[in-house]
Amino acid sequence: MNATNATNAMKTTTRKRSNAPIFWALFGAGGMLSALFGPMLVFITGIAVPLGVVLPKDTMSYPHMLAFAQNLIGKGFIFAIIALFLWHAAHRIFHSLHDIGIHAGTGAKLLCYGLAMVGTVIAAYALLAIGF
């Protein structure tokens, strides 16, 4: 092995650790949920229940929604929707800043992902405060 090959081998073995896969995973999961459940949620909460189409008008009454939010499966669904939608939006906004000519640095990253983290913590706290 000559000196050039040894140098190239050393360059390929020293990699910088990155947290990008975590954010890409949250972005992907949020994107999948927003694509699959977003239109359904808009239809149910914005059209079907208020107009009484397909579903009765009391489907989203306070007692029904409270019972859903107090159920463990309901809490998980609500938390997943809120948290993953927030992380998807944060990642999309952060990368869209570059598209509009704002070369975002660490401050923009902290703002975008920090707001998603704060929203996730608030959602978790609110769901736990409702009780079981």
Protein backbone atom coordinates (compact mmCIF):
# COMPACT_ATOMS: atom_id res chain seq x y z
CA MET A 1 0.00 0.00 0.00
CA ASN A 2 1.53 3.29 -1.01
CA ALA A 3 1.33 6.59 0.93
CA THR A 4 -1.55 8.00 -1.18
CA ASN A 5 -3.74 4.95 -0.63
CA ALA A 6 -2.99 4.98 3.10
CA THR A 7 -3.94 8.66 3.33
CA ASN A 8 -7.18 8.07 1.42
CA ALA A 9 -8.00 5.10 3.65
CA MET A 10 -7.54 7.26 6.76
CA LYS A 11 -9.77 9.99 5.34
CA THR A 12 -12.62 7.59 4.72
CA THR A 13 -12.45 6.05 8.20
CA THR A 14 -12.66 9.32 10.15
CA ARG A 15 -16.23 10.47 9.78
CA LYS A 16 -17.91 13.34 11.54
CA ARG A 17 -20.90 12.30 13.64
CA SER A 18 -24.16 13.91 12.65
CA ASN A 19 -27.59 14.26 14.20
CA ALA A 20 -29.18 14.74 10.78
CA PRO A 21 -30.63 11.19 10.59
CA ILE A 22 -32.74 11.89 13.66
CA PHE A 23 -34.28 14.99 12.10
CA TRP A 24 -34.74 13.28 8.74
CA ALA A 25 -36.52 10.37 10.46
CA LEU A 26 -38.86 12.75 12.30
CA PHE A 27 -39.42 14.66 9.05
CA GLY A 28 -40.20 11.47 7.15
CA ALA A 29 -42.55 10.12 9.81
CA GLY A 30 -44.33 13.47 10.06
CA GLY A 31 -44.60 13.69 6.28
CA MET A 32 -46.09 10.22 6.07
CA LEU A 33 -48.62 10.97 8.80
CA SER A 34 -49.55 14.31 7.30
CA ALA A 35 -50.05 12.71 3.89
CA LEU A 36 -52.12 9.81 5.22
CA PHE A 37 -54.05 11.39 8.10
CA GLY A 38 -53.99 15.13 7.32
CA PRO A 39 -56.70 15.13 4.63
CA MET A 40 -58.86 12.77 6.70
CA LEU A 41 -58.55 15.01 9.77
CA VAL A 42 -59.43 18.10 7.72
CA PHE A 43 -62.45 16.33 6.26
CA ILE A 44 -63.70 15.00 9.60
CA THR A 45 -63.10 18.13 11.71
CA GLY A 46 -63.86 20.71 9.04
CA ILE A 47 -66.59 19.20 6.87
CA ALA A 48 -68.13 15.91 8.02
CA VAL A 49 -68.88 16.74 11.66
CA PRO A 50 -69.81 20.45 11.39
CA LEU A 51 -72.16 19.83 8.44
CA GLY A 52 -73.46 16.52 9.77
CA VAL A 53 -72.33 14.74 6.61
CA VAL A 54 -71.44 11.05 7.14
CA LEU A 55 -70.92 11.57 10.90
CA PRO A 56 -73.43 12.84 13.47
CA LYS A 57 -72.87 16.36 14.81
CA ASP A 58 -72.23 15.15 18.37
CA THR A 59 -69.29 12.99 17.26
CA MET A 60 -66.84 15.66 18.38
CA SER A 61 -68.70 16.79 21.47
CA TYR A 62 -66.64 17.63 24.54
CA PRO A 63 -67.43 14.40 26.44
CA HIS A 64 -66.52 12.26 23.40
CA MET A 65 -63.27 14.11 22.76
CA LEU A 66 -62.33 14.06 26.45
CA ALA A 67 -62.91 10.30 26.57
CA PHE A 68 -60.76 9.88 23.45
CA ALA A 69 -57.96 12.03 24.94
CA GLN A 70 -58.06 10.12 28.24
CA ASN A 71 -57.70 6.75 26.53
CA LEU A 72 -54.10 5.50 26.20
CA ILE A 73 -54.49 4.80 22.46
CA GLY A 74 -56.15 8.19 21.94
CA LYS A 75 -53.31 9.92 23.79
CA GLY A 76 -50.77 8.12 21.63
CA PHE A 77 -52.57 9.08 18.43
CA ILE A 78 -52.96 12.74 19.45
CA PHE A 79 -49.33 12.96 20.57
CA ALA A 80 -48.02 11.33 17.39
CA ILE A 81 -50.05 13.62 15.17
CA ILE A 82 -49.08 16.82 16.99
CA ALA A 83 -45.41 16.00 17.56
CA LEU A 84 -44.65 14.54 14.15
CA PHE A 85 -46.56 17.28 12.31
CA LEU A 86 -44.48 19.85 14.25
CA TRP A 87 -41.16 18.14 13.46
CA HIS A 88 -42.12 17.77 9.79
CA ALA A 89 -43.02 21.46 9.59
CA ALA A 90 -39.84 22.53 11.40
CA HIS A 91 -37.63 20.55 9.04
CA ARG A 92 -39.47 21.79 5.96
CA ILE A 93 -39.31 25.42 7.11
CA PHE A 94 -35.61 25.16 7.97
CA HIS A 95 -34.73 23.78 4.55
CA SER A 96 -37.11 26.15 2.77
CA LEU A 97 -35.19 29.13 4.15
CA HIS A 98 -32.32 28.15 1.85
CA ASP A 99 -34.69 28.04 -1.13
CA ILE A 100 -35.81 31.64 -0.57
CA GLY A 101 -32.24 32.89 -0.23
CA ILE A 102 -31.80 32.87 3.54
CA HIS A 103 -28.76 30.80 4.33
CA ALA A 104 -29.80 29.70 7.77
CA GLY A 105 -27.21 28.95 10.36
CA THR A 106 -27.28 27.55 13.85
CA GLY A 107 -29.73 30.21 15.07
CA ALA A 108 -32.37 29.27 12.52
CA LYS A 109 -31.84 25.59 13.25
CA LEU A 110 -32.27 26.20 16.98
CA LEU A 111 -35.38 28.30 16.35
CA CYS A 112 -37.07 25.82 14.01
CA TYR A 113 -36.24 22.64 15.88
CA GLY A 114 -36.51 24.34 19.28
CA LEU A 115 -40.10 25.36 18.56
CA ALA A 116 -40.89 21.81 17.49
CA MET A 117 -39.37 20.51 20.72
CA VAL A 118 -41.30 23.03 22.83
CA GLY A 119 -44.53 22.11 21.06
CA THR A 120 -43.84 18.41 21.60
CA VAL A 121 -43.20 18.94 25.31
CA ILE A 122 -46.34 21.07 25.67
CA ALA A 123 -48.41 18.40 23.90
CA ALA A 124 -47.02 15.69 26.19
CA TYR A 125 -47.67 17.79 29.28
CA ALA A 126 -51.22 18.65 28.20
CA LEU A 127 -52.05 15.03 27.44
CA LEU A 128 -50.66 13.88 30.78
CA ALA A 129 -52.52 16.68 32.59
CA ILE A 130 -55.84 15.48 31.18
CA GLY A 131 -55.43 12.23 33.08
CA PHE A 132 -56.45 8.68 32.24
